[in-house]
Amino acid sequence: MTKSMDQYMLAAYEEALLGRSEGGIPIGAVIVRNGEIVGRGHNRRVQQGNPILHGEMDALSNSGRHPASFYKECTLYTTLAPCIMCSGAILLYKIPEVVVGEDVNYPGETAFLCSRGVKVTIQNNEEIIAMMKTYIEENPSVWNEDISEES
Protein backbone atom coordinates (compact mmCIF):
# COMPACT_ATOMS: atom_id res chain seq x y z
CA MET A 1 0.00 0.00 0.00
CA THR A 2 1.22 3.43 -0.76
CA LYS A 3 2.49 5.76 1.94
CA SER A 4 1.06 8.75 0.09
CA MET A 5 -2.47 7.99 1.36
CA ASP A 6 -3.67 9.20 4.74
CA GLN A 7 -5.45 6.70 6.98
CA TYR A 8 -8.90 7.62 5.66
CA MET A 9 -8.07 7.40 1.96
CA LEU A 10 -6.24 4.17 2.71
CA ALA A 11 -9.44 2.82 4.31
CA ALA A 12 -11.43 3.86 1.21
CA TYR A 13 -8.80 2.21 -1.01
CA GLU A 14 -9.04 -0.99 1.05
CA GLU A 15 -12.81 -0.93 0.50
CA ALA A 16 -12.18 -0.58 -3.25
CA LEU A 17 -9.85 -3.58 -3.19
CA LEU A 18 -12.47 -5.56 -1.26
CA GLY A 19 -15.05 -4.72 -3.91
CA ARG A 20 -12.69 -5.86 -6.65
CA SER A 21 -11.99 -9.12 -4.79
CA GLU A 22 -15.76 -9.75 -4.69
CA GLY A 23 -15.99 -9.36 -8.47
CA GLY A 24 -17.25 -5.79 -8.36
CA ILE A 25 -16.08 -2.35 -9.41
CA PRO A 26 -13.16 -1.13 -7.27
CA ILE A 27 -14.57 2.05 -5.77
CA GLY A 28 -14.50 2.54 -2.02
CA ALA A 29 -15.60 5.21 0.41
CA VAL A 30 -15.53 6.03 4.10
CA ILE A 31 -17.32 8.65 6.15
CA VAL A 32 -15.31 10.28 8.91
CA ARG A 33 -16.67 12.25 11.87
CA ASN A 34 -14.41 13.73 14.53
CA GLY A 35 -11.49 11.60 13.37
CA GLU A 36 -13.43 8.33 13.49
CA ILE A 37 -14.66 6.26 10.55
CA VAL A 38 -18.41 6.02 11.07
CA GLY A 39 -19.32 4.37 7.78
CA ARG A 40 -17.48 2.43 5.13
CA GLY A 41 -18.54 0.85 1.89
CA HIS A 42 -17.68 -0.07 -1.64
CA ASN A 43 -19.43 -0.29 -4.97
CA ARG A 44 -21.57 -3.44 -4.72
CA ARG A 45 -23.75 -2.82 -7.73
CA VAL A 46 -22.52 -5.97 -9.47
CA GLN A 47 -22.49 -8.14 -6.34
CA GLN A 48 -25.97 -7.12 -5.19
CA GLY A 49 -27.56 -6.44 -8.58
CA ASN A 50 -28.48 -3.00 -7.22
CA PRO A 51 -28.04 -0.09 -9.66
CA ILE A 52 -27.65 2.55 -6.94
CA LEU A 53 -25.20 0.78 -4.65
CA HIS A 54 -22.18 2.91 -5.49
CA GLY A 55 -19.35 3.16 -2.95
CA GLU A 56 -20.54 6.44 -1.47
CA MET A 57 -24.13 5.20 -1.19
CA ASP A 58 -22.94 2.00 0.51
CA ALA A 59 -20.85 4.00 3.01
CA LEU A 60 -23.83 6.26 3.77
CA SER A 61 -26.08 3.26 4.22
CA ASN A 62 -23.55 1.56 6.49
CA SER A 63 -23.16 4.68 8.64
CA GLY A 64 -26.69 4.17 9.90
CA ARG A 65 -29.54 6.48 10.72
CA HIS A 66 -28.57 9.83 12.27
CA PRO A 67 -30.01 13.30 12.75
CA ALA A 68 -29.19 15.88 10.08
CA SER A 69 -26.61 17.52 12.34
CA PHE A 70 -24.50 14.34 12.32
CA TYR A 71 -23.59 14.52 8.61
CA LYS A 72 -22.79 18.25 8.82
CA GLU A 73 -19.76 17.19 10.89
CA CYS A 74 -18.52 14.55 8.44
CA THR A 75 -16.01 14.27 5.63
CA LEU A 76 -16.53 11.71 2.89
CA TYR A 77 -13.44 10.06 1.41
CA THR A 78 -13.96 8.31 -1.91
CA THR A 79 -11.49 6.70 -4.27
CA LEU A 80 -13.23 8.09 -7.37
CA ALA A 81 -14.94 11.40 -8.07
CA PRO A 82 -18.63 11.06 -7.15
CA CYS A 83 -21.26 10.75 -9.87
CA ILE A 84 -24.34 12.98 -9.90
CA MET A 85 -26.37 10.48 -7.84
CA CYS A 86 -23.76 10.28 -5.09
CA SER A 87 -23.20 14.03 -5.26
CA GLY A 88 -26.93 14.51 -4.72
CA ALA A 89 -26.75 12.37 -1.58
CA ILE A 90 -23.75 14.36 -0.36
CA LEU A 91 -25.75 17.56 -0.82
CA LEU A 92 -28.93 16.11 0.66
CA TYR A 93 -27.14 15.22 3.89
CA LYS A 94 -25.11 18.44 3.81
CA ILE A 95 -21.75 16.72 4.06
CA PRO A 96 -19.42 19.73 3.95
CA GLU A 97 -16.23 18.10 2.69
CA VAL A 98 -15.29 15.42 0.17
CA VAL A 99 -11.79 14.06 -0.43
CA VAL A 100 -11.39 12.36 -3.81
CA GLY A 101 -8.70 9.78 -4.54
CA GLU A 102 -8.77 10.46 -8.27
CA ASP A 103 -10.73 12.19 -11.02
CA VAL A 104 -8.58 11.20 -14.00
CA ASN A 105 -10.51 8.12 -15.12
CA TYR A 106 -13.88 9.68 -14.29
CA PRO A 107 -14.28 13.40 -13.63
CA GLY A 108 -17.52 13.01 -11.72
CA GLU A 109 -19.38 15.99 -10.39
CA THR A 110 -16.77 17.75 -8.30
CA ALA A 111 -17.45 21.14 -9.93
CA PHE A 112 -21.14 20.73 -9.08
CA LEU A 113 -20.28 19.95 -5.45
CA CYS A 114 -17.99 22.98 -5.27
CA SER A 115 -20.70 25.19 -6.78
CA ARG A 116 -22.95 24.15 -3.89
CA GLY A 117 -20.40 25.03 -1.23
CA VAL A 118 -18.81 21.63 -0.61
CA LYS A 119 -15.06 21.69 -0.01
CA VAL A 120 -13.56 19.21 -2.47
CA THR A 121 -9.96 18.04 -2.34
CA ILE A 122 -8.71 15.96 -5.27
CA GLN A 123 -5.60 13.92 -4.52
CA ASN A 124 -5.10 12.15 -7.87
CA ASN A 125 -3.22 9.33 -6.19
CA GLU A 126 -1.21 7.38 -8.78
CA GLU A 127 -2.03 3.97 -7.28
CA ILE A 128 -5.77 4.65 -7.32
CA ILE A 129 -5.59 6.05 -10.86
CA ALA A 130 -3.77 2.92 -12.06
CA MET A 131 -6.25 0.60 -10.29
CA MET A 132 -9.25 2.25 -11.95
CA LYS A 133 -7.57 2.49 -15.36
CA THR A 134 -6.80 -1.24 -15.30
CA TYR A 135 -10.31 -2.12 -14.19
CA ILE A 136 -11.95 0.02 -16.89
CA GLU A 137 -9.69 -1.44 -19.60
CA GLU A 138 -10.46 -5.01 -18.48
CA ASN A 139 -14.21 -4.48 -17.88
CA PRO A 140 -15.46 -1.78 -20.27
CA SER A 141 -19.07 -2.97 -20.46
CA VAL A 142 -19.47 -3.23 -16.67
CA TRP A 143 -17.85 0.18 -16.25
CA ASN A 144 -20.09 1.77 -18.88
CA GLU A 145 -23.13 0.25 -17.19
CA ASP A 146 -22.02 1.76 -13.87
CA ILE A 147 -21.83 5.28 -15.31
CA SER A 148 -24.92 4.78 -17.47
CA GLU A 149 -23.13 4.91 -20.82
CA GLU A 150 -23.70 2.72 -23.85
CA SER A 151 -20.96 0.16 -24.58
C-alpha atoms as a PDB file:
ATOM      1  CA  MET A   1       0.000   0.000   0.000  1.00  0.00           C
ATOM      2  CA  THR A   2       1.222   3.435  -0.762  1.00  0.00           C
ATOM      3  CA  LYS A   3       2.493   5.760   1.940  1.00  0.00           C
ATOM      4  CA  SER A   4       1.057   8.745   0.086  1.00  0.00           C
ATOM      5  CA  MET A   5      -2.472   7.988   1.365  1.00  0.00           C
ATOM      6  CA  ASP A   6      -3.668   9.201   4.741  1.00  0.00           C
ATOM      7  CA  GLN A   7      -5.446   6.702   6.977  1.00  0.00           C
ATOM      8  CA  TYR A   8      -8.898   7.621   5.663  1.00  0.00           C
ATOM      9  CA  MET A   9      -8.073   7.399   1.962  1.00  0.00           C
ATOM     10  CA  LEU A  10      -6.237   4.173   2.710  1.00  0.00           C
ATOM     11  CA  ALA A  11      -9.437   2.816   4.306  1.00  0.00           C
ATOM     12  CA  ALA A  12     -11.432   3.859   1.214  1.00  0.00           C
ATOM     13  CA  TYR A  13      -8.796   2.211  -1.006  1.00  0.00           C
ATOM     14  CA  GLU A  14      -9.037  -0.989   1.053  1.00  0.00           C
ATOM     15  CA  GLU A  15     -12.807  -0.926   0.498  1.00  0.00           C
ATOM     16  CA  ALA A  16     -12.182  -0.577  -3.246  1.00  0.00           C
ATOM     17  CA  LEU A  17      -9.849  -3.583  -3.190  1.00  0.00           C
ATOM     18  CA  LEU A  18     -12.472  -5.559  -1.258  1.00  0.00           C
ATOM     19  CA  GLY A  19     -15.052  -4.717  -3.915  1.00  0.00           C
ATOM     20  CA  ARG A  20     -12.689  -5.863  -6.651  1.00  0.00           C
ATOM     21  CA  SER A  21     -11.993  -9.123  -4.795  1.00  0.00           C
ATOM     22  CA  GLU A  22     -15.757  -9.754  -4.689  1.00  0.00           C
ATOM     23  CA  GLY A  23     -15.985  -9.360  -8.471  1.00  0.00           C
ATOM     24  CA  GLY A  24     -17.249  -5.788  -8.359  1.00  0.00           C
ATOM     25  CA  ILE A  25     -16.079  -2.354  -9.412  1.00  0.00           C
ATOM     26  CA  PRO A  26     -13.163  -1.130  -7.268  1.00  0.00           C
ATOM     27  CA  ILE A  27     -14.567   2.048  -5.775  1.00  0.00           C
ATOM     28  CA  GLY A  28     -14.497   2.536  -2.023  1.00  0.00           C
ATOM     29  CA  ALA A  29     -15.605   5.214   0.411  1.00  0.00           C
ATOM     30  CA  VAL A  30     -15.527   6.026   4.099  1.00  0.00           C
ATOM     31  CA  ILE A  31     -17.323   8.646   6.147  1.00  0.00           C
ATOM     32  CA  VAL A  32     -15.314  10.284   8.910  1.00  0.00           C
ATOM     33  CA  ARG A  33     -16.672  12.252  11.866  1.00  0.00           C
ATOM     34  CA  ASN A  34     -14.415  13.726  14.529  1.00  0.00           C
ATOM     35  CA  GLY A  35     -11.495  11.598  13.370  1.00  0.00           C
ATOM     36  CA  GLU A  36     -13.434   8.326  13.494  1.00  0.00           C
ATOM     37  CA  ILE A  37     -14.656   6.256  10.549  1.00  0.00           C
ATOM     38  CA  VAL A  38     -18.412   6.017  11.070  1.00  0.00           C
ATOM     39  CA  GLY A  39     -19.325   4.372   7.780  1.00  0.00           C
ATOM     40  CA  ARG A  40     -17.480   2.431   5.127  1.00  0.00           C
ATOM     41  CA  GLY A  41     -18.539   0.847   1.894  1.00  0.00           C
ATOM     42  CA  HIS A  42     -17.676  -0.073  -1.636  1.00  0.00           C
ATOM     43  CA  ASN A  43     -19.425  -0.294  -4.966  1.00  0.00           C
ATOM     44  CA  ARG A  44     -21.569  -3.436  -4.715  1.00  0.00           C
ATOM     45  CA  ARG A  45     -23.754  -2.819  -7.733  1.00  0.00           C
ATOM     46  CA  VAL A  46     -22.517  -5.965  -9.466  1.00  0.00           C
ATOM     47  CA  GLN A  47     -22.487  -8.143  -6.343  1.00  0.00           C
ATOM     48  CA  GLN A  48     -25.975  -7.124  -5.190  1.00  0.00           C
ATOM     49  CA  GLY A  49     -27.564  -6.445  -8.583  1.00  0.00           C
ATOM     50  CA  ASN A  50     -28.480  -3.000  -7.224  1.00  0.00           C
ATOM     51  CA  PRO A  51     -28.040  -0.091  -9.663  1.00  0.00           C
ATOM     52  CA  ILE A  52     -27.652   2.549  -6.936  1.00  0.00           C
ATOM     53  CA  LEU A  53     -25.195   0.776  -4.653  1.00  0.00           C
ATOM     54  CA  HIS A  54     -22.182   2.914  -5.489  1.00  0.00           C
ATOM     55  CA  GLY A  55     -19.353   3.160  -2.949  1.00  0.00           C
ATOM     56  CA  GLU A  56     -20.540   6.444  -1.472  1.00  0.00           C
ATOM     57  CA  MET A  57     -24.125   5.205  -1.188  1.00  0.00           C
ATOM     58  CA  ASP A  58     -22.942   2.001   0.512  1.00  0.00           C
ATOM     59  CA  ALA A  59     -20.855   4.002   3.008  1.00  0.00           C
ATOM     60  CA  LEU A  60     -23.830   6.258   3.775  1.00  0.00           C
ATOM     61  CA  SER A  61     -26.081   3.258   4.224  1.00  0.00           C
ATOM     62  CA  ASN A  62     -23.553   1.564   6.488  1.00  0.00           C
ATOM     63  CA  SER A  63     -23.159   4.676   8.639  1.00  0.00           C
ATOM     64  CA  GLY A  64     -26.694   4.171   9.901  1.00  0.00           C
ATOM     65  CA  ARG A  65     -29.536   6.480  10.721  1.00  0.00           C
ATOM     66  CA  HIS A  66     -28.569   9.828  12.272  1.00  0.00           C
ATOM     67  CA  PRO A  67     -30.012  13.305  12.746  1.00  0.00           C
ATOM     68  CA  ALA A  68     -29.185  15.880  10.080  1.00  0.00           C
ATOM     69  CA  SER A  69     -26.606  17.524  12.340  1.00  0.00           C
ATOM     70  CA  PHE A  70     -24.498  14.335  12.316  1.00  0.00           C
ATOM     71  CA  TYR A  71     -23.587  14.518   8.614  1.00  0.00           C
ATOM     72  CA  LYS A  72     -22.787  18.247   8.819  1.00  0.00           C
ATOM     73  CA  GLU A  73     -19.756  17.186  10.893  1.00  0.00           C
ATOM     74  CA  CYS A  74     -18.519  14.552   8.443  1.00  0.00           C
ATOM     75  CA  THR A  75     -16.005  14.268   5.631  1.00  0.00           C
ATOM     76  CA  LEU A  76     -16.534  11.706   2.893  1.00  0.00           C
ATOM     77  CA  TYR A  77     -13.441  10.056   1.415  1.00  0.00           C
ATOM     78  CA  THR A  78     -13.960   8.305  -1.905  1.00  0.00           C
ATOM     79  CA  THR A  79     -11.489   6.704  -4.270  1.00  0.00           C
ATOM     80  CA  LEU A  80     -13.228   8.086  -7.368  1.00  0.00           C
ATOM     81  CA  ALA A  81     -14.937  11.397  -8.072  1.00  0.00           C
ATOM     82  CA  PRO A  82     -18.628  11.062  -7.150  1.00  0.00           C
ATOM     83  CA  CYS A  83     -21.263  10.751  -9.867  1.00  0.00           C
ATOM     84  CA  ILE A  84     -24.344  12.984  -9.904  1.00  0.00           C
ATOM     85  CA  MET A  85     -26.372  10.480  -7.839  1.00  0.00           C
ATOM     86  CA  CYS A  86     -23.762  10.279  -5.087  1.00  0.00           C
ATOM     87  CA  SER A  87     -23.204  14.033  -5.261  1.00  0.00           C
ATOM     88  CA  GLY A  88     -26.925  14.508  -4.716  1.00  0.00           C
ATOM     89  CA  ALA A  89     -26.754  12.366  -1.580  1.00  0.00           C
ATOM     90  CA  ILE A  90     -23.753  14.363  -0.356  1.00  0.00           C
ATOM     91  CA  LEU A  91     -25.748  17.564  -0.819  1.00  0.00           C
ATOM     92  CA  LEU A  92     -28.931  16.109   0.664  1.00  0.00           C
ATOM     93  CA  TYR A  93     -27.138  15.216   3.888  1.00  0.00           C
ATOM     94  CA  LYS A  94     -25.113  18.445   3.814  1.00  0.00           C
ATOM     95  CA  ILE A  95     -21.747  16.717   4.057  1.00  0.00           C
ATOM     96  CA  PRO A  96     -19.418  19.732   3.948  1.00  0.00           C
ATOM     97  CA  GLU A  97     -16.230  18.105   2.689  1.00  0.00           C
ATOM     98  CA  VAL A  98     -15.289  15.425   0.169  1.00  0.00           C
ATOM     99  CA  VAL A  99     -11.791  14.061  -0.433  1.00  0.00           C
ATOM    100  CA  VAL A 100     -11.390  12.356  -3.809  1.00  0.00           C
ATOM    101  CA  GLY A 101      -8.699   9.781  -4.538  1.00  0.00           C
ATOM    102  CA  GLU A 102      -8.774  10.460  -8.268  1.00  0.00           C
ATOM    103  CA  ASP A 103     -10.732  12.188 -11.022  1.00  0.00           C
ATOM    104  CA  VAL A 104      -8.579  11.201 -14.005  1.00  0.00           C
ATOM    105  CA  ASN A 105     -10.515   8.117 -15.118  1.00  0.00           C
ATOM    106  CA  TYR A 106     -13.883   9.682 -14.293  1.00  0.00           C
ATOM    107  CA  PRO A 107     -14.278  13.403 -13.628  1.00  0.00           C
ATOM    108  CA  GLY A 108     -17.517  13.007 -11.717  1.00  0.00           C
ATOM    109  CA  GLU A 109     -19.377  15.990 -10.394  1.00  0.00           C
ATOM    110  CA  THR A 110     -16.766  17.754  -8.299  1.00  0.00           C
ATOM    111  CA  ALA A 111     -17.448  21.140  -9.929  1.00  0.00           C
ATOM    112  CA  PHE A 112     -21.139  20.727  -9.076  1.00  0.00           C
ATOM    113  CA  LEU A 113     -20.280  19.947  -5.452  1.00  0.00           C
ATOM    114  CA  CYS A 114     -17.988  22.984  -5.268  1.00  0.00           C
ATOM    115  CA  SER A 115     -20.695  25.191  -6.778  1.00  0.00           C
ATOM    116  CA  ARG A 116     -22.951  24.147  -3.894  1.00  0.00           C
ATOM    117  CA  GLY A 117     -20.400  25.031  -1.226  1.00  0.00           C
ATOM    118  CA  VAL A 118     -18.806  21.625  -0.611  1.00  0.00           C
ATOM    119  CA  LYS A 119     -15.062  21.693  -0.010  1.00  0.00           C
ATOM    120  CA  VAL A 120     -13.559  19.215  -2.467  1.00  0.00           C
ATOM    121  CA  THR A 121      -9.960  18.039  -2.341  1.00  0.00           C
ATOM    122  CA  ILE A 122      -8.714  15.958  -5.266  1.00  0.00           C
ATOM    123  CA  GLN A 123      -5.602  13.915  -4.524  1.00  0.00           C
ATOM    124  CA  ASN A 124      -5.098  12.148  -7.866  1.00  0.00           C
ATOM    125  CA  ASN A 125      -3.217   9.327  -6.192  1.00  0.00           C
ATOM    126  CA  GLU A 126      -1.205   7.377  -8.778  1.00  0.00           C
ATOM    127  CA  GLU A 127      -2.026   3.971  -7.280  1.00  0.00           C
ATOM    128  CA  ILE A 128      -5.767   4.648  -7.319  1.00  0.00           C
ATOM    129  CA  ILE A 129      -5.593   6.053 -10.856  1.00  0.00           C
ATOM    130  CA  ALA A 130      -3.770   2.915 -12.055  1.00  0.00           C
ATOM    131  CA  MET A 131      -6.250   0.600 -10.290  1.00  0.00           C
ATOM    132  CA  MET A 132      -9.253   2.247 -11.953  1.00  0.00           C
ATOM    133  CA  LYS A 133      -7.574   2.488 -15.363  1.00  0.00           C
ATOM    134  CA  THR A 134      -6.801  -1.235 -15.304  1.00  0.00           C
ATOM    135  CA  TYR A 135     -10.315  -2.116 -14.188  1.00  0.00           C
ATOM    136  CA  ILE A 136     -11.950   0.021 -16.894  1.00  0.00           C
ATOM    137  CA  GLU A 137      -9.689  -1.440 -19.602  1.00  0.00           C
ATOM    138  CA  GLU A 138     -10.460  -5.008 -18.479  1.00  0.00           C
ATOM    139  CA  ASN A 139     -14.210  -4.480 -17.884  1.00  0.00           C
ATOM    140  CA  PRO A 140     -15.465  -1.777 -20.267  1.00  0.00           C
ATOM    141  CA  SER A 141     -19.075  -2.974 -20.458  1.00  0.00           C
ATOM    142  CA  VAL A 142     -19.469  -3.232 -16.668  1.00  0.00           C
ATOM    143  CA  TRP A 143     -17.852   0.183 -16.247  1.00  0.00           C
ATOM    144  CA  ASN A 144     -20.090   1.767 -18.883  1.00  0.00           C
ATOM    145  CA  GLU A 145     -23.128   0.254 -17.193  1.00  0.00           C
ATOM    146  CA  ASP A 146     -22.024   1.760 -13.867  1.00  0.00           C
ATOM    147  CA  ILE A 147     -21.831   5.281 -15.309  1.00  0.00           C
ATOM    148  CA  SER A 148     -24.924   4.777 -17.472  1.00  0.00           C
ATOM    149  CA  GLU A 149     -23.131   4.913 -20.815  1.00  0.00           C
ATOM    150  CA  GLU A 150     -23.705   2.719 -23.848  1.00  0.00           C
ATOM    151  CA  SER A 151     -20.963   0.163 -24.584  1.00  0.00           C
END
